[in-house]
Amino acid sequence: MKGLLICLSLVLLAGPALAISRYNSLSISCQEAHRRIVNERAVILRYPSTRVRGMTLYDRYVINSSMCGNREIAQRSYIPTKDTPKCPVYSCKQWDPDDDLIFPFR
Protein backbone atom coordinates (compact mmCIF):
# COMPACT_ATOMS: atom_id res chain seq x y z
CA MET A 1 0.00 0.00 0.00
CA LYS A 2 2.83 2.38 0.86
CA GLY A 3 4.48 1.67 -2.51
CA LEU A 4 1.22 2.40 -4.32
CA LEU A 5 0.87 5.76 -2.56
CA ILE A 6 4.45 6.71 -3.43
CA CYS A 7 3.95 5.70 -7.07
CA LEU A 8 0.67 7.63 -7.28
CA SER A 9 2.30 10.71 -5.74
CA LEU A 10 5.12 10.61 -8.28
CA VAL A 11 2.68 10.32 -11.18
CA LEU A 12 0.68 13.30 -9.92
CA LEU A 13 3.80 15.40 -9.45
CA ALA A 14 5.19 14.48 -12.87
CA GLY A 15 1.94 15.21 -14.76
CA PRO A 16 1.36 18.57 -16.44
CA ALA A 17 -0.62 21.19 -14.60
CA LEU A 18 -4.16 21.59 -15.82
CA ALA A 19 -4.28 25.30 -15.06
CA ILE A 20 -4.84 27.64 -17.98
CA SER A 21 -2.06 30.13 -18.72
CA ARG A 22 -2.66 33.87 -18.46
CA TYR A 23 -0.81 36.47 -20.52
CA ASN A 24 -0.86 40.23 -20.92
CA SER A 25 -1.62 40.67 -24.63
CA LEU A 26 0.20 44.02 -24.85
CA SER A 27 3.49 42.39 -23.82
CA ILE A 28 3.51 39.86 -26.70
CA SER A 29 3.28 40.13 -30.49
CA CYS A 30 0.31 38.88 -32.50
CA GLN A 31 2.40 35.99 -33.81
CA GLU A 32 3.44 35.08 -30.26
CA ALA A 33 -0.21 35.16 -29.13
CA HIS A 34 -1.12 32.77 -31.96
CA ARG A 35 1.81 30.49 -31.10
CA ARG A 36 0.77 30.29 -27.45
CA ILE A 37 -2.86 29.58 -28.35
CA VAL A 38 -1.80 26.81 -30.75
CA ASN A 39 0.65 25.25 -28.28
CA GLU A 40 -1.66 25.39 -25.26
CA ARG A 41 -4.99 25.09 -27.16
CA ALA A 42 -6.57 27.72 -24.85
CA VAL A 43 -5.18 30.73 -22.97
CA ILE A 44 -6.50 33.73 -21.08
CA LEU A 45 -5.36 37.05 -22.53
CA ARG A 46 -5.89 40.32 -20.68
CA TYR A 47 -5.53 43.91 -21.80
CA PRO A 48 -6.63 47.38 -20.65
CA SER A 49 -10.02 48.69 -21.72
CA THR A 50 -9.99 51.57 -24.21
CA ARG A 51 -13.34 52.88 -22.91
CA VAL A 52 -13.03 52.68 -19.11
CA ARG A 53 -9.81 53.92 -17.59
CA GLY A 54 -8.21 51.46 -15.17
CA MET A 55 -10.39 48.51 -16.22
CA THR A 56 -8.75 45.29 -17.39
CA LEU A 57 -10.56 43.12 -19.93
CA TYR A 58 -9.87 39.43 -20.36
CA ASP A 59 -11.27 36.40 -22.11
CA ARG A 60 -10.40 32.82 -22.92
CA TYR A 61 -9.04 32.41 -26.45
CA VAL A 62 -9.01 29.01 -28.13
CA ILE A 63 -7.54 27.18 -31.10
CA ASN A 64 -10.95 25.96 -32.37
CA SER A 65 -14.50 25.03 -31.34
CA SER A 66 -13.39 21.74 -29.78
CA MET A 67 -12.06 23.76 -26.83
CA CYS A 68 -15.44 25.44 -26.25
CA GLY A 69 -18.20 24.30 -23.95
CA ASN A 70 -21.55 22.79 -24.79
CA ARG A 71 -23.60 25.00 -27.15
CA GLU A 72 -20.61 27.26 -27.84
CA ILE A 73 -18.59 27.82 -31.00
CA ALA A 74 -15.30 29.56 -31.69
CA GLN A 75 -15.85 32.96 -33.28
CA ARG A 76 -13.30 35.47 -34.48
CA SER A 77 -12.36 38.18 -32.00
CA TYR A 78 -9.72 40.86 -32.05
CA ILE A 79 -7.31 41.76 -29.27
CA PRO A 80 -4.62 44.44 -28.99
CA THR A 81 -1.05 43.14 -28.96
CA LYS A 82 2.38 44.74 -28.82
CA ASP A 83 2.63 45.07 -32.61
CA THR A 84 -1.00 45.47 -33.77
CA PRO A 85 -4.20 46.96 -32.33
CA LYS A 86 -6.40 44.20 -33.88
CA CYS A 87 -4.87 40.73 -33.73
CA PRO A 88 -7.39 38.10 -34.95
CA VAL A 89 -8.01 35.23 -32.51
CA TYR A 90 -10.92 32.92 -31.61
CA SER A 91 -13.03 33.03 -28.46
CA CYS A 92 -15.99 30.88 -27.44
CA LYS A 93 -19.43 32.41 -27.92
CA GLN A 94 -22.91 31.02 -27.30
CA TRP A 95 -24.32 29.18 -30.31
CA ASP A 96 -27.94 29.77 -31.27
CA PRO A 97 -29.28 26.66 -33.07
CA ASP A 98 -31.87 28.82 -34.86
CA ASP A 99 -29.14 30.95 -36.40
CA ASP A 100 -28.23 29.62 -39.84
CA LEU A 101 -25.01 31.73 -39.89
CA ILE A 102 -25.90 32.99 -43.38
CA PHE A 103 -27.51 36.27 -42.34
CA PRO A 104 -25.77 37.30 -39.10
CA PHE A 105 -27.29 40.81 -39.03
CA ARG A 106 -31.02 40.03 -39.17
PDB file of N, CA and C in Angstrom:
ATOM      1  N   MET A   1       0.823  -1.196   0.000  1.00  0.00           N
ATOM      2  CA  MET A   1       0.000   0.000   0.000  1.00  0.00           C
ATOM      3  C   MET A   1       0.866   1.259   0.000  1.00  0.00           C
ATOM      4  N   LYS A   2       1.936   1.222   0.785  1.00  0.00           N
ATOM      5  CA  LYS A   2       2.827   2.376   0.856  1.00  0.00           C
ATOM      6  C   LYS A   2       3.480   2.630  -0.508  1.00  0.00           C
ATOM      7  N   GLY A   3       3.873   1.547  -1.185  1.00  0.00           N
ATOM      8  CA  GLY A   3       4.475   1.668  -2.512  1.00  0.00           C
ATOM      9  C   GLY A   3       3.509   2.259  -3.520  1.00  0.00           C
ATOM     10  N   LEU A   4       2.239   1.867  -3.422  1.00  0.00           N
ATOM     11  CA  LEU A   4       1.215   2.396  -4.318  1.00  0.00           C
ATOM     12  C   LEU A   4       1.032   3.901  -4.106  1.00  0.00           C
ATOM     13  N   LEU A   5       1.015   4.335  -2.859  1.00  0.00           N
ATOM     14  CA  LEU A   5       0.871   5.761  -2.562  1.00  0.00           C
ATOM     15  C   LEU A   5       2.058   6.563  -3.073  1.00  0.00           C
ATOM     16  N   ILE A   6       3.254   6.029  -2.930  1.00  0.00           N
ATOM     17  CA  ILE A   6       4.449   6.712  -3.431  1.00  0.00           C
ATOM     18  C   ILE A   6       4.400   6.809  -4.947  1.00  0.00           C
ATOM     19  N   CYS A   7       4.033   5.721  -5.601  1.00  0.00           N
ATOM     20  CA  CYS A   7       3.945   5.702  -7.069  1.00  0.00           C
ATOM     21  C   CYS A   7       2.894   6.702  -7.559  1.00  0.00           C
ATOM     22  N   LEU A   8       1.730   6.702  -6.906  1.00  0.00           N
ATOM     23  CA  LEU A   8       0.669   7.625  -7.285  1.00  0.00           C
ATOM     24  C   LEU A   8       1.104   9.074  -7.082  1.00  0.00           C
ATOM     25  N   SER A   9       1.795   9.351  -6.006  1.00  0.00           N
ATOM     26  CA  SER A   9       2.295  10.705  -5.741  1.00  0.00           C
ATOM     27  C   SER A   9       3.270  11.153  -6.819  1.00  0.00           C
ATOM     28  N   LEU A  10       4.154  10.262  -7.240  1.00  0.00           N
ATOM     29  CA  LEU A  10       5.120  10.607  -8.280  1.00  0.00           C
ATOM     30  C   LEU A  10       4.432  10.884  -9.610  1.00  0.00           C
ATOM     31  N   VAL A  11       3.424  10.108  -9.935  1.00  0.00           N
ATOM     32  CA  VAL A  11       2.682  10.318 -11.178  1.00  0.00           C
ATOM     33  C   VAL A  11       1.982  11.677 -11.147  1.00  0.00           C
ATOM     34  N   LEU A  12       1.370  12.011 -10.028  1.00  0.00           N
ATOM     35  CA  LEU A  12       0.680  13.296  -9.920  1.00  0.00           C
ATOM     36  C   LEU A  12       1.645  14.464  -9.995  1.00  0.00           C
ATOM     37  N   LEU A  13       2.815  14.324  -9.406  1.00  0.00           N
ATOM     38  CA  LEU A  13       3.804  15.395  -9.454  1.00  0.00           C
ATOM     39  C   LEU A  13       4.420  15.545 -10.839  1.00  0.00           C
ATOM     40  N   ALA A  14       4.552  14.447 -11.560  1.00  0.00           N
ATOM     41  CA  ALA A  14       5.188  14.478 -12.873  1.00  0.00           C
ATOM     42  C   ALA A  14       4.227  14.924 -13.976  1.00  0.00           C
ATOM     43  N   GLY A  15       2.922  14.842 -13.742  1.00  0.00           N
ATOM     44  CA  GLY A  15       1.941  15.209 -14.758  1.00  0.00           C
ATOM     45  C   GLY A  15       1.886  16.702 -14.977  1.00  0.00           C
ATOM     46  N   PRO A  16       1.452  17.131 -16.158  1.00  0.00           N
ATOM     47  CA  PRO A  16       1.361  18.566 -16.444  1.00  0.00           C
ATOM     48  C   PRO A  16       0.236  19.210 -15.637  1.00  0.00           C
ATOM     49  N   ALA A  17       0.413  20.449 -15.323  1.00  0.00           N
ATOM     50  CA  ALA A  17      -0.617  21.193 -14.599  1.00  0.00           C
ATOM     51  C   ALA A  17      -1.793  21.459 -15.533  1.00  0.00           C
ATOM     52  N   LEU A  18      -2.973  21.375 -15.002  1.00  0.00           N
ATOM     53  CA  LEU A  18      -4.164  21.590 -15.816  1.00  0.00           C
ATOM     54  C   LEU A  18      -4.639  23.041 -15.783  1.00  0.00           C
ATOM     55  N   ALA A  19      -3.896  23.892 -15.132  1.00  0.00           N
ATOM     56  CA  ALA A  19      -4.285  25.302 -15.057  1.00  0.00           C
ATOM     57  C   ALA A  19      -4.079  25.975 -16.411  1.00  0.00           C
ATOM     58  N   ILE A  20      -4.949  26.912 -16.720  1.00  0.00           N
ATOM     59  CA  ILE A  20      -4.836  27.642 -17.980  1.00  0.00           C
ATOM     60  C   ILE A  20      -3.871  28.811 -17.794  1.00  0.00           C
ATOM     61  N   SER A  21      -3.052  29.054 -18.793  1.00  0.00           N
ATOM     62  CA  SER A  21      -2.058  30.131 -18.720  1.00  0.00           C
ATOM     63  C   SER A  21      -2.713  31.483 -18.973  1.00  0.00           C
ATOM     64  N   ARG A  22      -2.180  32.494 -18.300  1.00  0.00           N
ATOM     65  CA  ARG A  22      -2.662  33.871 -18.462  1.00  0.00           C
ATOM     66  C   ARG A  22      -1.518  34.741 -18.951  1.00  0.00           C
ATOM     67  N   TYR A  23      -1.825  35.590 -19.942  1.00  0.00           N
ATOM     68  CA  TYR A  23      -0.811  36.466 -20.517  1.00  0.00           C
ATOM     69  C   TYR A  23      -1.379  37.866 -20.678  1.00  0.00           C
ATOM     70  N   ASN A  24      -0.507  38.850 -20.608  1.00  0.00           N
ATOM     71  CA  ASN A  24      -0.863  40.229 -20.919  1.00  0.00           C
ATOM     72  C   ASN A  24      -0.658  40.391 -22.422  1.00  0.00           C
ATOM     73  N   SER A  25      -1.721  40.648 -23.168  1.00  0.00           N
ATOM     74  CA  SER A  25      -1.622  40.674 -24.630  1.00  0.00           C
ATOM     75  C   SER A  25      -0.735  41.809 -25.143  1.00  0.00           C
ATOM     76  N   LEU A  26      -0.616  42.897 -24.391  1.00  0.00           N
ATOM     77  CA  LEU A  26       0.205  44.022 -24.848  1.00  0.00           C
ATOM     78  C   LEU A  26       1.701  43.777 -24.668  1.00  0.00           C
ATOM     79  N   SER A  27       2.063  42.685 -24.005  1.00  0.00           N
ATOM     80  CA  SER A  27       3.486  42.388 -23.821  1.00  0.00           C
ATOM     81  C   SER A  27       3.990  41.351 -24.820  1.00  0.00           C
ATOM     82  N   ILE A  28       3.100  40.845 -25.690  1.00  0.00           N
ATOM     83  CA  ILE A  28       3.507  39.859 -26.695  1.00  0.00           C
ATOM     84  C   ILE A  28       3.025  40.310 -28.075  1.00  0.00           C
ATOM     85  N   SER A  29       3.678  39.798 -29.115  1.00  0.00           N
ATOM     86  CA  SER A  29       3.276  40.126 -30.487  1.00  0.00           C
ATOM     87  C   SER A  29       2.067  39.284 -30.886  1.00  0.00           C
ATOM     88  N   CYS A  30       1.448  39.643 -31.989  1.00  0.00           N
ATOM     89  CA  CYS A  30       0.310  38.885 -32.504  1.00  0.00           C
ATOM     90  C   CYS A  30       0.740  37.457 -32.843  1.00  0.00           C
ATOM     91  N   GLN A  31       1.886  37.320 -33.467  1.00  0.00           N
ATOM     92  CA  GLN A  31       2.399  35.994 -33.815  1.00  0.00           C
ATOM     93  C   GLN A  31       2.660  35.163 -32.556  1.00  0.00           C
ATOM     94  N   GLU A  32       3.185  35.783 -31.521  1.00  0.00           N
ATOM     95  CA  GLU A  32       3.439  35.079 -30.264  1.00  0.00           C
ATOM     96  C   GLU A  32       2.124  34.668 -29.597  1.00  0.00           C
ATOM     97  N   ALA A  33       1.104  35.515 -29.676  1.00  0.00           N
ATOM     98  CA  ALA A  33      -0.213  35.162 -29.131  1.00  0.00           C
ATOM     99  C   ALA A  33      -0.768  33.942 -29.860  1.00  0.00           C
ATOM    100  N   HIS A  34      -0.658  33.927 -31.183  1.00  0.00           N
ATOM    101  CA  HIS A  34      -1.123  32.772 -31.962  1.00  0.00           C
ATOM    102  C   HIS A  34      -0.340  31.519 -31.590  1.00  0.00           C
ATOM    103  N   ARG A  35       0.980  31.647 -31.439  1.00  0.00           N
ATOM    104  CA  ARG A  35       1.810  30.493 -31.096  1.00  0.00           C
ATOM    105  C   ARG A  35       1.405  29.908 -29.747  1.00  0.00           C
ATOM    106  N   ARG A  36       1.154  30.772 -28.782  1.00  0.00           N
ATOM    107  CA  ARG A  36       0.772  30.291 -27.449  1.00  0.00           C
ATOM    108  C   ARG A  36      -0.603  29.637 -27.466  1.00  0.00           C
ATOM    109  N   ILE A  37      -1.529  30.183 -28.239  1.00  0.00           N
ATOM    110  CA  ILE A  37      -2.858  29.575 -28.348  1.00  0.00           C
ATOM    111  C   ILE A  37      -2.761  28.207 -29.009  1.00  0.00           C
ATOM    112  N   VAL A  38      -1.964  28.094 -30.064  1.00  0.00           N
ATOM    113  CA  VAL A  38      -1.801  26.810 -30.754  1.00  0.00           C
ATOM    114  C   VAL A  38      -1.129  25.787 -29.838  1.00  0.00           C
ATOM    115  N   ASN A  39      -0.076  26.186 -29.142  1.00  0.00           N
ATOM    116  CA  ASN A  39       0.653  25.251 -28.278  1.00  0.00           C
ATOM    117  C   ASN A  39      -0.165  24.797 -27.079  1.00  0.00           C
ATOM    118  N   GLU A  40      -0.933  25.709 -26.483  1.00  0.00           N
ATOM    119  CA  GLU A  40      -1.660  25.385 -25.258  1.00  0.00           C
ATOM    120  C   GLU A  40      -3.140  25.084 -25.503  1.00  0.00           C
ATOM    121  N   ARG A  41      -3.613  25.332 -26.722  1.00  0.00           N
ATOM    122  CA  ARG A  41      -4.987  25.092 -27.162  1.00  0.00           C
ATOM    123  C   ARG A  41      -5.999  26.075 -26.581  1.00  0.00           C
ATOM    124  N   ALA A  42      -5.713  26.683 -25.435  1.00  0.00           N
ATOM    125  CA  ALA A  42      -6.575  27.718 -24.848  1.00  0.00           C
ATOM    126  C   ALA A  42      -5.747  28.523 -23.851  1.00  0.00           C
ATOM    127  N   VAL A  43      -5.885  29.838 -23.901  1.00  0.00           N
ATOM    128  CA  VAL A  43      -5.180  30.725 -22.966  1.00  0.00           C
ATOM    129  C   VAL A  43      -6.117  31.861 -22.568  1.00  0.00           C
ATOM    130  N   ILE A  44      -5.790  32.516 -21.478  1.00  0.00           N
ATOM    131  CA  ILE A  44      -6.499  33.730 -21.085  1.00  0.00           C
ATOM    132  C   ILE A  44      -5.589  34.900 -21.405  1.00  0.00           C
ATOM    133  N   LEU A  45      -6.115  35.840 -22.184  1.00  0.00           N
ATOM    134  CA  LEU A  45      -5.364  37.046 -22.528  1.00  0.00           C
ATOM    135  C   LEU A  45      -6.070  38.239 -21.911  1.00  0.00           C
ATOM    136  N   ARG A  46      -5.305  39.120 -21.302  1.00  0.00           N
ATOM    137  CA  ARG A  46      -5.887  40.317 -20.683  1.00  0.00           C
ATOM    138  C   ARG A  46      -5.225  41.559 -21.247  1.00  0.00           C
ATOM    139  N   TYR A  47      -6.004  42.644 -21.249  1.00  0.00           N
ATOM    140  CA  TYR A  47      -5.528  43.912 -21.803  1.00  0.00           C
ATOM    141  C   TYR A  47      -6.375  45.039 -21.227  1.00  0.00           C
ATOM    142  N   PRO A  48      -5.866  46.261 -21.213  1.00  0.00           N
ATOM    143  CA  PRO A  48      -6.630  47.380 -20.647  1.00  0.00           C
ATOM    144  C   PRO A  48      -7.771  47.805 -21.570  1.00  0.00           C
ATOM    145  N   SER A  49      -8.875  48.196 -20.973  1.00  0.00           N
ATOM    146  CA  SER A  49     -10.024  48.694 -21.722  1.00  0.00           C
ATOM    147  C   SER A  49      -9.684  50.039 -22.352  1.00  0.00           C
ATOM    148  N   THR A  50     -10.186  50.267 -23.564  1.00  0.00           N
ATOM    149  CA  THR A  50      -9.991  51.566 -24.212  1.00  0.00           C
ATOM    150  C   THR A  50     -11.105  52.537 -23.829  1.00  0.00           C
ATOM    151  N   ARG A  51     -12.198  52.033 -23.263  1.00  0.00           N
ATOM    152  CA  ARG A  51     -13.337  52.879 -22.906  1.00  0.00           C
ATOM    153  C   ARG A  51     -13.337  53.308 -21.444  1.00  0.00           C
ATOM    154  N   VAL A  52     -12.984  52.387 -20.543  1.00  0.00           N
ATOM    155  CA  VAL A  52     -13.035  52.678 -19.109  1.00  0.00           C
ATOM    156  C   VAL A  52     -11.620  52.662 -18.552  1.00  0.00           C
ATOM    157  N   ARG A  53     -11.172  53.797 -18.098  1.00  0.00           N
ATOM    158  CA  ARG A  53      -9.811  53.925 -17.587  1.00  0.00           C
ATOM    159  C   ARG A  53      -9.624  53.053 -16.340  1.00  0.00           C
ATOM    160  N   GLY A  54      -8.527  52.301 -16.315  1.00  0.00           N
ATOM    161  CA  GLY A  54      -8.207  51.461 -15.168  1.00  0.00           C
ATOM    162  C   GLY A  54      -8.871  50.095 -15.176  1.00  0.00           C
ATOM    163  N   MET A  55      -9.714  49.806 -16.158  1.00  0.00           N
ATOM    164  CA  MET A  55     -10.393  48.509 -16.220  1.00  0.00           C
ATOM    165  C   MET A  55      -9.598  47.544 -17.094  1.00  0.00           C
ATOM    166  N   THR A  56      -9.436  46.322 -16.618  1.00  0.00           N
ATOM    167  CA  THR A  56      -8.751  45.288 -17.387  1.00  0.00           C
ATOM    168  C   THR A  56      -9.781  44.335 -17.966  1.00  0.00           C
ATOM    169  N   LEU A  57      -9.692  44.078 -19.256  1.00  0.00           N
ATOM    170  CA  LEU A  57     -10.564  43.123 -19.935  1.00  0.00           C
ATOM    171  C   LEU A  57      -9.798  41.824 -20.135  1.00  0.00           C
ATOM    172  N   TYR A  58     -10.515  40.720 -20.115  1.00  0.00           N
ATOM    173  CA  TYR A  58      -9.871  39.434 -20.360  1.00  0.00           C
ATOM    174  C   TYR A  58     -10.903  38.461 -20.903  1.00  0.00           C
ATOM    175  N   ASP A  59     -10.406  37.452 -21.593  1.00  0.00           N
ATOM    176  CA  ASP A  59     -11.270  36.401 -22.113  1.00  0.00           C
ATOM    177  C   ASP A  59     -10.408  35.179 -22.373  1.00  0.00           C
ATOM    178  N   ARG A  60     -11.076  34.083 -22.614  1.00  0.00           N
ATOM    179  CA  ARG A  60     -10.402  32.822 -22.925  1.00  0.00           C
ATOM    180  C   ARG A  60     -10.390  32.687 -24.443  1.00  0.00           C
ATOM    181  N   TYR A  61      -9.204  32.519 -24.999  1.00  0.00           N
ATOM    182  CA  TYR A  61      -9.037  32.408 -26.447  1.00  0.00           C
ATOM    183  C   TYR A  61      -8.590  30.996 -26.779  1.00  0.00           C
ATOM    184  N   VAL A  62      -9.171  30.437 -27.837  1.00  0.00           N
ATOM    185  CA  VAL A  62      -9.014  29.012 -28.130  1.00  0.00           C
ATOM    186  C   VAL A  62      -8.514  28.781 -29.550  1.00  0.00           C
ATOM    187  N   ILE A  63      -8.037  27.558 -29.776  1.00  0.00           N
ATOM    188  CA  ILE A  63      -7.537  27.184 -31.096  1.00  0.00           C
ATOM    189  C   ILE A  63      -8.694  26.875 -32.055  1.00  0.00           C
ATOM    190  N   ASN A  64      -9.784  26.272 -31.547  1.00  0.00           N
ATOM    191  CA  ASN A  64     -10.950  25.959 -32.373  1.00  0.00           C
ATOM    192  C   ASN A  64     -12.149  25.625 -31.480  1.00  0.00           C
ATOM    193  N   SER A  65     -13.266  25.282 -32.080  1.00  0.00           N
ATOM    194  CA  SER A  65     -14.505  25.029 -31.338  1.00  0.00           C
ATOM    195  C   SER A  65     -14.435  23.816 -30.420  1.00  0.00           C
ATOM    196  N   SER A  66     -13.493  22.914 -30.648  1.00  0.00           N
ATOM    197  CA  SER A  66     -13.388  21.738 -29.776  1.00  0.00           C
ATOM    198  C   SER A  66     -12.997  22.117 -28.350  1.00  0.00           C
ATOM    199  N   MET A  67     -12.455  23.301 -28.168  1.00  0.00           N
ATOM    200  CA  MET A  67     -12.062  23.763 -26.834  1.00  0.00           C
ATOM    201  C   MET A  67     -13.179  24.561 -26.148  1.00  0.00           C
ATOM    202  N   CYS A  68     -14.312  24.694 -26.818  1.00  0.00           N
ATOM    203  CA  CYS A  68     -15.438  25.441 -26.255  1.00  0.00           C
ATOM    204  C   CYS A  68     -16.377  24.498 -25.518  1.00  0.00           C
ATOM    205  N   GLY A  69     -17.235  25.077 -24.710  1.00  0.00           N
ATOM    206  CA  GLY A  69     -18.199  24.296 -23.952  1.00  0.00           C
ATOM    207  C   GLY A  69     -19.386  23.879 -24.800  1.00  0.00           C
ATOM    208  N   ASN A  70     -20.333  23.232 -24.141  1.00  0.00           N
ATOM    209  CA  ASN A  70     -21.551  22.787 -24.791  1.00  0.00           C
ATOM    210  C   ASN A  70     -22.336  23.997 -25.291  1.00  0.00           C
ATOM    211  N   ARG A  71     -22.823  23.927 -26.513  1.00  0.00           N
ATOM    212  CA  ARG A  71     -23.600  24.996 -27.153  1.00  0.00           C
ATOM    213  C   ARG A  71     -22.795  26.275 -27.331  1.00  0.00           C
ATOM    214  N   GLU A  72     -21.485  26.136 -27.532  1.00  0.00           N
ATOM    215  CA  GLU A  72     -20.613  27.264 -27.837  1.00  0.00           C
ATOM    216  C   GLU A  72     -19.812  26.938 -29.090  1.00  0.00           C
ATOM    217  N   ILE A  73     -19.457  27.976 -29.835  1.00  0.00           N
ATOM    218  CA  ILE A  73     -18.589  27.818 -30.996  1.00  0.00           C
ATOM    219  C   ILE A  73     -17.489  28.872 -30.930  1.00  0.00           C
ATOM    220  N   ALA A  74     -16.395  28.593 -31.626  1.00  0.00           N
ATOM    221  CA  ALA A  74     -15.295  29.557 -31.691  1.00  0.00           C
ATOM    222  C   ALA A  74     -15.626  30.598 -32.754  1.00  0.00           C
ATOM    223  N   GLN A  75     -15.612  31.861 -32.351  1.00  0.00           N
ATOM    224  CA  GLN A  75     -15.853  32.960 -33.284  1.00  0.00           C
ATOM    225  C   GLN A  75     -14.677  33.917 -33.241  1.00  0.00           C
ATOM    226  N   ARG A  76     -14.428  34.544 -34.381  1.00  0.00           N
ATOM    227  CA  ARG A  76     -13.301  35.467 -34.482  1.00  0.00           C
ATOM    228  C   ARG A  76     -13.499  36.663 -33.563  1.00  0.00           C
ATOM    229  N   SER A  77     -12.423  36.990 -32.863  1.00  0.00           N
ATOM    230  CA  SER A  77     -12.362  38.175 -31.999  1.00  0.00           C
ATOM    231  C   SER A  77     -11.069  38.896 -32.321  1.00  0.00           C
ATOM    232  N   TYR A  78     -10.943  40.096 -31.831  1.00  0.00           N
ATOM    233  CA  TYR A  78      -9.720  40.865 -32.052  1.00  0.00           C
ATOM    234  C   TYR A  78      -9.227  41.395 -30.716  1.00  0.00           C
ATOM    235  N   ILE A  79      -7.918  41.268 -30.495  1.00  0.00           N
ATOM    236  CA  ILE A  79      -7.309  41.764 -29.265  1.00  0.00           C
ATOM    237  C   ILE A  79      -6.137  42.671 -29.616  1.00  0.00           C
ATOM    238  N   PRO A  80      -5.829  43.627 -28.760  1.00  0.00           N
ATOM    239  CA  PRO A  80      -4.624  44.439 -28.995  1.00  0.00           C
ATOM    240  C   PRO A  80      -3.383  43.666 -28.545  1.00  0.00           C
ATOM    241  N   THR A  81      -2.327  43.749 -29.336  1.00  0.00           N
ATOM    242  CA  THR A  81      -1.047  43.143 -28.962  1.00  0.00           C
ATOM    243  C   THR A  81       0.043  44.201 -29.088  1.00  0.00           C
ATOM    244  N   LYS A  82       1.263  43.794 -28.791  1.00  0.00           N
ATOM    245  CA  LYS A  82       2.379  44.738 -28.818  1.00  0.00           C
ATOM    246  C   LYS A  82       2.574  45.356 -30.195  1.00  0.00           C
ATOM    247  N   ASP A  83       2.329  44.585 -31.258  1.00  0.00           N
ATOM    248  CA  ASP A  83       2.626  45.065 -32.608  1.00  0.00           C
ATOM    249  C   ASP A  83       1.405  45.429 -33.455  1.00  0.00           C
ATOM    250  N   THR A  84       0.199  45.135 -32.989  1.00  0.00           N
ATOM    251  CA  THR A  84      -0.995  45.472 -33.768  1.00  0.00           C
ATOM    252  C   THR A  84      -2.186  45.726 -32.836  1.00  0.00           C
ATOM    253  N   PRO A  85      -3.041  46.691 -33.186  1.00  0.00           N
ATOM    254  CA  PRO A  85      -4.203  46.956 -32.329  1.00  0.00           C
ATOM    255  C   PRO A  85      -5.343  45.950 -32.515  1.00  0.00           C
ATOM    256  N   LYS A  86      -5.324  45.163 -33.616  1.00  0.00           N
ATOM    257  CA  LYS A  86      -6.399  44.205 -33.881  1.00  0.00           C
ATOM    258  C   LYS A  86      -5.828  42.874 -34.348  1.00  0.00           C
ATOM    259  N   CYS A  87      -5.397  42.064 -33.414  1.00  0.00           N
ATOM    260  CA  CYS A  87      -4.867  40.732 -33.725  1.00  0.00           C
ATOM    261  C   CYS A  87      -6.040  39.744 -33.753  1.00  0.00           C
ATOM    262  N   PRO A  88      -6.257  39.028 -34.872  1.00  0.00           N
ATOM    263  CA  PRO A  88      -7.388  38.099 -34.950  1.00  0.00           C
ATOM    264  C   PRO A  88      -7.125  36.810 -34.163  1.00  0.00           C
ATOM    265  N   VAL A  89      -8.067  36.456 -33.308  1.00  0.00           N
ATOM    266  CA  VAL A  89      -8.005  35.228 -32.511  1.00  0.00           C
ATOM    267  C   VAL A  89      -9.423  34.666 -32.422  1.00  0.00           C
ATOM    268  N   TYR A  90      -9.594  33.514 -31.791  1.00  0.00           N
ATOM    269  CA  TYR A  90     -10.916  32.919 -31.610  1.00  0.00           C
ATOM    270  C   TYR A  90     -11.267  32.844 -30.132  1.00  0.00           C
ATOM    271  N   SER A  91     -12.515  33.191 -29.816  1.00  0.00           N
ATOM    272  CA  SER A  91     -13.027  33.029 -28.455  1.00  0.00           C
ATOM    273  C   SER A  91     -14.371  32.304 -28.541  1.00  0.00           C
ATOM    274  N   CYS A  92     -14.745  31.654 -27.461  1.00  0.00           N
ATOM    275  CA  CYS A  92     -15.989  30.879 -27.438  1.00  0.00           C
ATOM    276  C   CYS A  92     -17.183  31.796 -27.209  1.00  0.00           C
ATOM    277  N   LYS A  93     -18.199  31.629 -28.036  1.00  0.00           N
ATOM    278  CA  LYS A  93     -19.434  32.406 -27.916  1.00  0.00           C
ATOM    279  C   LYS A  93     -20.617  31.439 -27.936  1.00  0.00           C
ATOM    280  N   GLN A  94     -21.715  31.849 -27.308  1.00  0.00           N
ATOM    281  CA  GLN A  94     -22.914  31.016 -27.299  1.00  0.00           C
ATOM    282  C   GLN A  94     -23.398  30.769 -28.718  1.00  0.00           C
ATOM    283  N   TRP A  95     -23.817  29.545 -28.998  1.00  0.00           N
ATOM    284  CA  TRP A  95     -24.324  29.177 -30.310  1.00  0.00           C
ATOM    285  C   TRP A  95     -25.836  29.109 -30.247  1.00  0.00           C
ATOM    286  N   ASP A  96     -26.491  29.785 -31.169  1.00  0.00           N
ATOM    287  CA  ASP A  96     -27.943  29.767 -31.271  1.00  0.00           C
ATOM    288  C   ASP A  96     -28.315  28.781 -32.372  1.00  0.00           C
ATOM    289  N   PRO A  97     -28.964  27.660 -32.037  1.00  0.00           N
ATOM    290  CA  PRO A  97     -29.283  26.661 -33.065  1.00  0.00           C
ATOM    291  C   PRO A  97     -30.240  27.169 -34.131  1.00  0.00           C
ATOM    292  N   ASP A  98     -30.968  28.253 -33.854  1.00  0.00           N
ATOM    293  CA  ASP A  98     -31.868  28.820 -34.860  1.00  0.00           C
ATOM    294  C   ASP A  98     -31.140  29.721 -35.843  1.00  0.00           C
ATOM    295  N   ASP A  99     -29.910  30.078 -35.522  1.00  0.00           N
ATOM    296  CA  ASP A  99     -29.137  30.950 -36.403  1.00  0.00           C
ATOM    297  C   ASP A  99     -28.491  30.099 -37.489  1.00  0.00           C
ATOM    298  N   ASP A 100     -28.786  30.402 -38.736  1.00  0.00           N
ATOM    299  CA  ASP A 100     -28.234  29.624 -39.841  1.00  0.00           C
ATOM    300  C   ASP A 100     -26.863  30.126 -40.283  1.00  0.00           C
ATOM    301  N   LEU A 101     -26.333  31.163 -39.630  1.00  0.00           N
ATOM    302  CA  LEU A 101     -25.014  31.730 -39.892  1.00  0.00           C
ATOM    303  C   LEU A 101     -24.864  32.320 -41.290  1.00  0.00           C
ATOM    304  N   ILE A 102     -25.964  32.402 -42.044  1.00  0.00           N
ATOM    305  CA  ILE A 102     -25.898  32.989 -43.378  1.00  0.00           C
ATOM    306  C   ILE A 102     -26.166  34.488 -43.303  1.00  0.00           C
ATOM    307  N   PHE A 103     -27.149  34.874 -42.494  1.00  0.00           N
ATOM    308  CA  PHE A 103     -27.513  36.274 -42.339  1.00  0.00           C
ATOM    309  C   PHE A 103     -27.289  36.688 -40.884  1.00  0.00           C
ATOM    310  N   PRO A 104     -26.047  37.014 -40.507  1.00  0.00           N
ATOM    311  CA  PRO A 104     -25.767  37.295 -39.101  1.00  0.00           C
ATOM    312  C   PRO A 104     -26.340  38.610 -38.593  1.00  0.00           C
ATOM    313  N   PHE A 105     -26.806  39.502 -39.470  1.00  0.00           N
ATOM    314  CA  PHE A 105     -27.292  40.808 -39.027  1.00  0.00           C
ATOM    315  C   PHE A 105     -28.788  40.966 -39.282  1.00  0.00           C
ATOM    316  N   ARG A 106     -29.574  39.955 -38.969  1.00  0.00           N
ATOM    317  CA  ARG A 106     -31.019  40.034 -39.171  1.00  0.00           C
ATOM    318  C   ARG A 106     -31.655  40.886 -38.116  1.00  0.00           C
TER     319      ARG A 106
END
